[in-house]
Amino acid sequence: MYIIERNWIATDVAFRYNNINKGYPNNAFVEFGRKITQNDMAYIHPSVDFGSHKTYNHGIEVGMLILFCFFYQKKLLLKLL
């Protein structure tokens, strides 16, 4: 993973063998992300599968991470009371 200011880029390649299918369901991905606020991050995650007995051919995932700590929950609850 490489972090460049508010952005990050990560890669991964998985080589494996499935003994049940007697094949290689390998995959690789590149992930691009950006920190939106102090606690929120968004990412895009395209991936590709290669080898015999693939689980999928290719895919894309888009998501958002929301970091919410118990400390902030407690402060919010105390404010409401």
PDB file of N, CA and C in Angstrom:
ATOM      1  N   MET A   1       0.849  -1.166   0.000  1.00  0.00           N
ATOM      2  CA  MET A   1       0.000   0.000   0.000  1.00  0.00           C
ATOM      3  C   MET A   1       0.897   1.232   0.000  1.00  0.00           C
ATOM      4  N   TYR A   2       0.575   2.160  -0.878  1.00  0.00           N
ATOM      5  CA  TYR A   2       1.278   3.430  -0.944  1.00  0.00           C
ATOM      6  C   TYR A   2       0.285   4.542  -0.641  1.00  0.00           C
ATOM      7  N   ILE A   3       0.633   5.414   0.301  1.00  0.00           N
ATOM      8  CA  ILE A   3      -0.231   6.527   0.680  1.00  0.00           C
ATOM      9  C   ILE A   3       0.392   7.811   0.162  1.00  0.00           C
ATOM     10  N   ILE A   4      -0.374   8.563  -0.610  1.00  0.00           N
ATOM     11  CA  ILE A   4       0.069   9.821  -1.192  1.00  0.00           C
ATOM     12  C   ILE A   4      -0.925  10.882  -0.739  1.00  0.00           C
ATOM     13  N   GLU A   5      -0.564  11.641   0.279  1.00  0.00           N
ATOM     14  CA  GLU A   5      -1.434  12.654   0.888  1.00  0.00           C
ATOM     15  C   GLU A   5      -2.759  12.033   1.302  1.00  0.00           C
ATOM     16  N   ARG A   6      -3.860  12.384   0.647  1.00  0.00           N
ATOM     17  CA  ARG A   6      -5.174  11.852   1.029  1.00  0.00           C
ATOM     18  C   ARG A   6      -5.568  10.627   0.207  1.00  0.00           C
ATOM     19  N   ASN A   7      -4.708  10.159  -0.676  1.00  0.00           N
ATOM     20  CA  ASN A   7      -5.028   9.039  -1.567  1.00  0.00           C
ATOM     21  C   ASN A   7      -4.175   7.824  -1.221  1.00  0.00           C
ATOM     22  N   TRP A   8      -4.643   6.656  -1.614  1.00  0.00           N
ATOM     23  CA  TRP A   8      -3.818   5.458  -1.488  1.00  0.00           C
ATOM     24  C   TRP A   8      -4.025   4.569  -2.695  1.00  0.00           C
ATOM     25  N   ILE A   9      -3.034   3.730  -2.920  1.00  0.00           N
ATOM     26  CA  ILE A   9      -3.104   2.713  -3.966  1.00  0.00           C
ATOM     27  C   ILE A   9      -2.535   1.426  -3.366  1.00  0.00           C
ATOM     28  N   ALA A  10      -3.212   0.334  -3.612  1.00  0.00           N
ATOM     29  CA  ALA A  10      -2.777  -0.962  -3.083  1.00  0.00           C
ATOM     30  C   ALA A  10      -2.954  -2.017  -4.169  1.00  0.00           C
ATOM     31  N   THR A  11      -2.106  -3.021  -4.150  1.00  0.00           N
ATOM     32  CA  THR A  11      -2.203  -4.132  -5.093  1.00  0.00           C
ATOM     33  C   THR A  11      -2.047  -5.443  -4.349  1.00  0.00           C
ATOM     34  N   ASP A  12      -2.566  -6.496  -4.946  1.00  0.00           N
ATOM     35  CA  ASP A  12      -2.412  -7.827  -4.370  1.00  0.00           C
ATOM     36  C   ASP A  12      -2.584  -8.859  -5.478  1.00  0.00           C
ATOM     37  N   VAL A  13      -1.822  -9.911  -5.390  1.00  0.00           N
ATOM     38  CA  VAL A  13      -1.950 -11.054  -6.293  1.00  0.00           C
ATOM     39  C   VAL A  13      -1.974 -12.304  -5.422  1.00  0.00           C
ATOM     40  N   ALA A  14      -2.925 -13.173  -5.655  1.00  0.00           N
ATOM     41  CA  ALA A  14      -3.044 -14.409  -4.882  1.00  0.00           C
ATOM     42  C   ALA A  14      -2.888 -15.606  -5.816  1.00  0.00           C
ATOM     43  N   PHE A  15      -1.890 -16.424  -5.542  1.00  0.00           N
ATOM     44  CA  PHE A  15      -1.680 -17.681  -6.264  1.00  0.00           C
ATOM     45  C   PHE A  15      -2.055 -18.806  -5.307  1.00  0.00           C
ATOM     46  N   ARG A  16      -2.959 -19.648  -5.718  1.00  0.00           N
ATOM     47  CA  ARG A  16      -3.389 -20.732  -4.831  1.00  0.00           C
ATOM     48  C   ARG A  16      -3.838 -21.942  -5.647  1.00  0.00           C
ATOM     49  N   TYR A  17      -3.989 -23.049  -4.948  1.00  0.00           N
ATOM     50  CA  TYR A  17      -4.441 -24.294  -5.565  1.00  0.00           C
ATOM     51  C   TYR A  17      -5.664 -24.781  -4.801  1.00  0.00           C
ATOM     52  N   ASN A  18      -6.724 -25.147  -5.520  1.00  0.00           N
ATOM     53  CA  ASN A  18      -7.933 -25.684  -4.920  1.00  0.00           C
ATOM     54  C   ASN A  18      -7.918 -27.191  -5.107  1.00  0.00           C
ATOM     55  N   ASN A  19      -7.762 -27.922  -4.035  1.00  0.00           N
ATOM     56  CA  ASN A  19      -7.638 -29.373  -4.095  1.00  0.00           C
ATOM     57  C   ASN A  19      -8.948 -30.045  -4.508  1.00  0.00           C
ATOM     58  N   ILE A  20     -10.084 -29.451  -4.178  1.00  0.00           N
ATOM     59  CA  ILE A  20     -11.376 -30.043  -4.542  1.00  0.00           C
ATOM     60  C   ILE A  20     -11.596 -29.938  -6.046  1.00  0.00           C
ATOM     61  N   ASN A  21     -11.349 -28.752  -6.620  1.00  0.00           N
ATOM     62  CA  ASN A  21     -11.535 -28.550  -8.062  1.00  0.00           C
ATOM     63  C   ASN A  21     -10.325 -28.956  -8.887  1.00  0.00           C
ATOM     64  N   LYS A  22      -9.230 -29.267  -8.239  1.00  0.00           N
ATOM     65  CA  LYS A  22      -7.964 -29.605  -8.922  1.00  0.00           C
ATOM     66  C   LYS A  22      -7.588 -28.499  -9.919  1.00  0.00           C
ATOM     67  N   GLY A  23      -7.636 -27.265  -9.454  1.00  0.00           N
ATOM     68  CA  GLY A  23      -7.326 -26.135 -10.333  1.00  0.00           C
ATOM     69  C   GLY A  23      -6.743 -24.963  -9.575  1.00  0.00           C
ATOM     70  N   TYR A  24      -6.454 -23.918 -10.313  1.00  0.00           N
ATOM     71  CA  TYR A  24      -5.811 -22.726  -9.774  1.00  0.00           C
ATOM     72  C   TYR A  24      -6.720 -21.504  -9.931  1.00  0.00           C
ATOM     73  N   PRO A  25      -7.506 -21.151  -8.920  1.00  0.00           N
ATOM     74  CA  PRO A  25      -8.354 -19.950  -8.991  1.00  0.00           C
ATOM     75  C   PRO A  25      -7.596 -18.705  -8.515  1.00  0.00           C
ATOM     76  N   ASN A  26      -6.627 -18.258  -9.283  1.00  0.00           N
ATOM     77  CA  ASN A  26      -5.794 -17.122  -8.904  1.00  0.00           C
ATOM     78  C   ASN A  26      -6.500 -15.807  -9.214  1.00  0.00           C
ATOM     79  N   ASN A  27      -6.113 -14.759  -8.504  1.00  0.00           N
ATOM     80  CA  ASN A  27      -6.691 -13.448  -8.789  1.00  0.00           C
ATOM     81  C   ASN A  27      -5.705 -12.333  -8.450  1.00  0.00           C
ATOM     82  N   ALA A  28      -5.977 -11.152  -9.003  1.00  0.00           N
ATOM     83  CA  ALA A  28      -5.161  -9.967  -8.756  1.00  0.00           C
ATOM     84  C   ALA A  28      -6.076  -8.751  -8.703  1.00  0.00           C
ATOM     85  N   PHE A  29      -5.677  -7.757  -7.923  1.00  0.00           N
ATOM     86  CA  PHE A  29      -6.464  -6.529  -7.882  1.00  0.00           C
ATOM     87  C   PHE A  29      -5.572  -5.319  -7.674  1.00  0.00           C
ATOM     88  N   VAL A  30      -6.113  -4.187  -8.038  1.00  0.00           N
ATOM     89  CA  VAL A  30      -5.525  -2.880  -7.760  1.00  0.00           C
ATOM     90  C   VAL A  30      -6.617  -2.080  -7.077  1.00  0.00           C
ATOM     91  N   GLU A  31      -6.283  -1.431  -5.978  1.00  0.00           N
ATOM     92  CA  GLU A  31      -7.288  -0.652  -5.251  1.00  0.00           C
ATOM     93  C   GLU A  31      -6.843   0.802  -5.186  1.00  0.00           C
ATOM     94  N   PHE A  32      -7.763   1.702  -5.523  1.00  0.00           N
ATOM     95  CA  PHE A  32      -7.516   3.131  -5.446  1.00  0.00           C
ATOM     96  C   PHE A  32      -8.476   3.702  -4.407  1.00  0.00           C
ATOM     97  N   GLY A  33      -7.973   4.519  -3.500  1.00  0.00           N
ATOM     98  CA  GLY A  33      -8.836   5.078  -2.473  1.00  0.00           C
ATOM     99  C   GLY A  33      -8.506   6.520  -2.176  1.00  0.00           C
ATOM    100  N   ARG A  34      -9.459   7.182  -1.529  1.00  0.00           N
ATOM    101  CA  ARG A  34      -9.273   8.584  -1.145  1.00  0.00           C
ATOM    102  C   ARG A  34      -9.943   8.830   0.196  1.00  0.00           C
ATOM    103  N   LYS A  35      -9.240   9.540   1.058  1.00  0.00           N
ATOM    104  CA  LYS A  35      -9.795   9.941   2.342  1.00  0.00           C
ATOM    105  C   LYS A  35     -10.653  11.175   2.113  1.00  0.00           C
ATOM    106  N   ILE A  36     -11.950  11.068   2.415  1.00  0.00           N
ATOM    107  CA  ILE A  36     -12.892  12.153   2.172  1.00  0.00           C
ATOM    108  C   ILE A  36     -12.918  13.120   3.353  1.00  0.00           C
ATOM    109  N   THR A  37     -13.131  12.582   4.537  1.00  0.00           N
ATOM    110  CA  THR A  37     -13.079  13.366   5.768  1.00  0.00           C
ATOM    111  C   THR A  37     -12.121  12.662   6.712  1.00  0.00           C
ATOM    112  N   GLN A  38     -12.045  13.128   7.947  1.00  0.00           N
ATOM    113  CA  GLN A  38     -11.144  12.506   8.913  1.00  0.00           C
ATOM    114  C   GLN A  38     -11.503  11.039   9.162  1.00  0.00           C
ATOM    115  N   ASN A  39     -12.784  10.704   9.082  1.00  0.00           N
ATOM    116  CA  ASN A  39     -13.234   9.347   9.402  1.00  0.00           C
ATOM    117  C   ASN A  39     -13.844   8.581   8.232  1.00  0.00           C
ATOM    118  N   ASP A  40     -13.923   9.167   7.054  1.00  0.00           N
ATOM    119  CA  ASP A  40     -14.568   8.514   5.912  1.00  0.00           C
ATOM    120  C   ASP A  40     -13.604   8.353   4.749  1.00  0.00           C
ATOM    121  N   MET A  41     -13.652   7.199   4.124  1.00  0.00           N
ATOM    122  CA  MET A  41     -12.805   6.918   2.972  1.00  0.00           C
ATOM    123  C   MET A  41     -13.628   6.212   1.905  1.00  0.00           C
ATOM    124  N   ALA A  42     -13.341   6.478   0.653  1.00  0.00           N
ATOM    125  CA  ALA A  42     -14.007   5.811  -0.466  1.00  0.00           C
ATOM    126  C   ALA A  42     -12.949   5.098  -1.294  1.00  0.00           C
ATOM    127  N   TYR A  43     -13.342   3.997  -1.955  1.00  0.00           N
ATOM    128  CA  TYR A  43     -12.376   3.232  -2.752  1.00  0.00           C
ATOM    129  C   TYR A  43     -13.044   2.602  -3.960  1.00  0.00           C
ATOM    130  N   ILE A  44     -12.213   2.263  -4.936  1.00  0.00           N
ATOM    131  CA  ILE A  44     -12.628   1.495  -6.108  1.00  0.00           C
ATOM    132  C   ILE A  44     -11.629   0.349  -6.243  1.00  0.00           C
ATOM    133  N   HIS A  45     -12.128  -0.826  -6.538  1.00  0.00           N
ATOM    134  CA  HIS A  45     -11.339  -2.050  -6.427  1.00  0.00           C
ATOM    135  C   HIS A  45     -11.593  -2.952  -7.640  1.00  0.00           C
ATOM    136  N   PRO A  46     -10.961  -2.673  -8.796  1.00  0.00           N
ATOM    137  CA  PRO A  46     -11.115  -3.587  -9.935  1.00  0.00           C
ATOM    138  C   PRO A  46     -10.247  -4.834  -9.741  1.00  0.00           C
ATOM    139  N   SER A  47     -10.739  -5.986 -10.192  1.00  0.00           N
ATOM    140  CA  SER A  47      -9.980  -7.223 -10.036  1.00  0.00           C
ATOM    141  C   SER A  47     -10.157  -8.122 -11.250  1.00  0.00           C
ATOM    142  N   VAL A  48      -9.218  -9.034 -11.401  1.00  0.00           N
ATOM    143  CA  VAL A  48      -9.250  -9.983 -12.513  1.00  0.00           C
ATOM    144  C   VAL A  48      -8.858 -11.357 -11.974  1.00  0.00           C
ATOM    145  N   ASP A  49      -9.442 -12.405 -12.541  1.00  0.00           N
ATOM    146  CA  ASP A  49      -9.151 -13.776 -12.147  1.00  0.00           C
ATOM    147  C   ASP A  49      -8.423 -14.465 -13.301  1.00  0.00           C
ATOM    148  N   PHE A  50      -7.461 -15.298 -12.989  1.00  0.00           N
ATOM    149  CA  PHE A  50      -6.737 -16.014 -14.027  1.00  0.00           C
ATOM    150  C   PHE A  50      -6.374 -17.410 -13.531  1.00  0.00           C
ATOM    151  N   GLY A  51      -6.093 -18.304 -14.447  1.00  0.00           N
ATOM    152  CA  GLY A  51      -5.787 -19.689 -14.105  1.00  0.00           C
ATOM    153  C   GLY A  51      -6.960 -20.596 -14.448  1.00  0.00           C
ATOM    154  N   SER A  52      -6.796 -21.873 -14.166  1.00  0.00           N
ATOM    155  CA  SER A  52      -7.883 -22.823 -14.428  1.00  0.00           C
ATOM    156  C   SER A  52      -8.878 -22.806 -13.267  1.00  0.00           C
ATOM    157  N   HIS A  53     -10.117 -23.176 -13.521  1.00  0.00           N
ATOM    158  CA  HIS A  53     -11.181 -23.219 -12.501  1.00  0.00           C
ATOM    159  C   HIS A  53     -11.345 -21.870 -11.814  1.00  0.00           C
ATOM    160  N   LYS A  54     -11.581 -20.838 -12.619  1.00  0.00           N
ATOM    161  CA  LYS A  54     -11.753 -19.489 -12.091  1.00  0.00           C
ATOM    162  C   LYS A  54     -13.032 -19.390 -11.274  1.00  0.00           C
ATOM    163  N   THR A  55     -13.014 -18.575 -10.246  1.00  0.00           N
ATOM    164  CA  THR A  55     -14.230 -18.293  -9.478  1.00  0.00           C
ATOM    165  C   THR A  55     -15.020 -17.186 -10.146  1.00  0.00           C
ATOM    166  N   TYR A  56     -14.349 -16.327 -10.905  1.00  0.00           N
ATOM    167  CA  TYR A  56     -14.987 -15.279 -11.697  1.00  0.00           C
ATOM    168  C   TYR A  56     -13.981 -14.833 -12.755  1.00  0.00           C
ATOM    169  N   ASN A  57     -14.407 -14.081 -13.746  1.00  0.00           N
ATOM    170  CA  ASN A  57     -13.498 -13.595 -14.788  1.00  0.00           C
ATOM    171  C   ASN A  57     -12.901 -12.245 -14.434  1.00  0.00           C
ATOM    172  N   HIS A  58     -13.750 -11.316 -14.029  1.00  0.00           N
ATOM    173  CA  HIS A  58     -13.301  -9.991 -13.617  1.00  0.00           C
ATOM    174  C   HIS A  58     -14.408  -9.351 -12.789  1.00  0.00           C
ATOM    175  N   GLY A  59     -14.058  -8.322 -12.067  1.00  0.00           N
ATOM    176  CA  GLY A  59     -15.072  -7.666 -11.246  1.00  0.00           C
ATOM    177  C   GLY A  59     -14.612  -6.286 -10.828  1.00  0.00           C
ATOM    178  N   ILE A  60     -15.547  -5.541 -10.296  1.00  0.00           N
ATOM    179  CA  ILE A  60     -15.238  -4.216  -9.768  1.00  0.00           C
ATOM    180  C   ILE A  60     -16.065  -4.011  -8.506  1.00  0.00           C
ATOM    181  N   GLU A  61     -15.432  -3.424  -7.517  1.00  0.00           N
ATOM    182  CA  GLU A  61     -16.091  -3.151  -6.240  1.00  0.00           C
ATOM    183  C   GLU A  61     -15.877  -1.677  -5.918  1.00  0.00           C
ATOM    184  N   VAL A  62     -16.924  -1.021  -5.498  1.00  0.00           N
ATOM    185  CA  VAL A  62     -16.851   0.380  -5.091  1.00  0.00           C
ATOM    186  C   VAL A  62     -17.422   0.445  -3.688  1.00  0.00           C
ATOM    187  N   GLY A  63     -16.738   1.138  -2.802  1.00  0.00           N
ATOM    188  CA  GLY A  63     -17.233   1.153  -1.434  1.00  0.00           C
ATOM    189  C   GLY A  63     -16.820   2.383  -0.664  1.00  0.00           C
ATOM    190  N   MET A  64     -17.320   2.447   0.564  1.00  0.00           N
ATOM    191  CA  MET A  64     -16.997   3.541   1.463  1.00  0.00           C
ATOM    192  C   MET A  64     -16.745   2.966   2.840  1.00  0.00           C
ATOM    193  N   LEU A  65     -15.672   3.411   3.468  1.00  0.00           N
ATOM    194  CA  LEU A  65     -15.338   2.996   4.826  1.00  0.00           C
ATOM    195  C   LEU A  65     -15.673   4.144   5.766  1.00  0.00           C
ATOM    196  N   ILE A  66     -16.418   3.849   6.803  1.00  0.00           N
ATOM    197  CA  ILE A  66     -16.750   4.850   7.814  1.00  0.00           C
ATOM    198  C   ILE A  66     -16.169   4.363   9.131  1.00  0.00           C
ATOM    199  N   LEU A  67     -15.182   5.089   9.641  1.00  0.00           N
ATOM    200  CA  LEU A  67     -14.545   4.733  10.902  1.00  0.00           C
ATOM    201  C   LEU A  67     -15.300   5.409  12.031  1.00  0.00           C
ATOM    202  N   PHE A  68     -15.840   4.623  12.934  1.00  0.00           N
ATOM    203  CA  PHE A  68     -16.629   5.160  14.033  1.00  0.00           C
ATOM    204  C   PHE A  68     -16.135   4.526  15.316  1.00  0.00           C
ATOM    205  N   CYS A  69     -15.500   5.291  16.131  1.00  0.00           N
ATOM    206  CA  CYS A  69     -14.870   4.799  17.350  1.00  0.00           C
ATOM    207  C   CYS A  69     -15.856   4.841  18.519  1.00  0.00           C
ATOM    208  N   PHE A  70     -15.685   3.939  19.468  1.00  0.00           N
ATOM    209  CA  PHE A  70     -16.532   3.903  20.658  1.00  0.00           C
ATOM    210  C   PHE A  70     -16.397   5.202  21.444  1.00  0.00           C
ATOM    211  N   PHE A  71     -15.215   5.806  21.431  1.00  0.00           N
ATOM    212  CA  PHE A  71     -14.977   7.061  22.135  1.00  0.00           C
ATOM    213  C   PHE A  71     -15.928   8.141  21.632  1.00  0.00           C
ATOM    214  N   TYR A  72     -16.105   8.240  20.308  1.00  0.00           N
ATOM    215  CA  TYR A  72     -17.005   9.231  19.738  1.00  0.00           C
ATOM    216  C   TYR A  72     -18.452   8.910  20.084  1.00  0.00           C
ATOM    217  N   GLN A  73     -18.802   7.644  20.136  1.00  0.00           N
ATOM    218  CA  GLN A  73     -20.151   7.234  20.521  1.00  0.00           C
ATOM    219  C   GLN A  73     -20.444   7.695  21.943  1.00  0.00           C
ATOM    220  N   LYS A  74     -19.481   7.506  22.828  1.00  0.00           N
ATOM    221  CA  LYS A  74     -19.668   7.862  24.225  1.00  0.00           C
ATOM    222  C   LYS A  74     -19.835   9.375  24.379  1.00  0.00           C
ATOM    223  N   LYS A  75     -19.023  10.166  23.672  1.00  0.00           N
ATOM    224  CA  LYS A  75     -19.129  11.619  23.729  1.00  0.00           C
ATOM    225  C   LYS A  75     -20.491  12.086  23.214  1.00  0.00           C
ATOM    226  N   LEU A  76     -20.955  11.483  22.133  1.00  0.00           N
ATOM    227  CA  LEU A  76     -22.250  11.831  21.554  1.00  0.00           C
ATOM    228  C   LEU A  76     -23.378  11.490  22.541  1.00  0.00           C
ATOM    229  N   LEU A  77     -23.290  10.337  23.149  1.00  0.00           N
ATOM    230  CA  LEU A  77     -24.320   9.918  24.121  1.00  0.00           C
ATOM    231  C   LEU A  77     -24.355  10.865  25.302  1.00  0.00           C
ATOM    232  N   LEU A  78     -23.202  11.285  25.812  1.00  0.00           N
ATOM    233  CA  LEU A  78     -23.155  12.202  26.944  1.00  0.00           C
ATOM    234  C   LEU A  78     -23.738  13.568  26.571  1.00  0.00           C
ATOM    235  N   LYS A  79     -23.525  14.006  25.334  1.00  0.00           N
ATOM    236  CA  LYS A  79     -24.107  15.268  24.885  1.00  0.00           C
ATOM    237  C   LYS A  79     -25.631  15.191  24.843  1.00  0.00           C
ATOM    238  N   LEU A  80     -26.159  14.048  24.424  1.00  0.00           N
ATOM    239  CA  LEU A  80     -27.608  13.890  24.315  1.00  0.00           C
ATOM    240  C   LEU A  80     -28.284  13.818  25.670  1.00  0.00           C
ATOM    241  N   LEU A  81     -27.556  13.338  26.673  1.00  0.00           N
ATOM    242  CA  LEU A  81     -28.155  13.229  28.019  1.00  0.00           C
ATOM    243  C   LEU A  81     -28.060  14.568  28.691  1.00  0.00           C
TER     244      LEU A  81
END
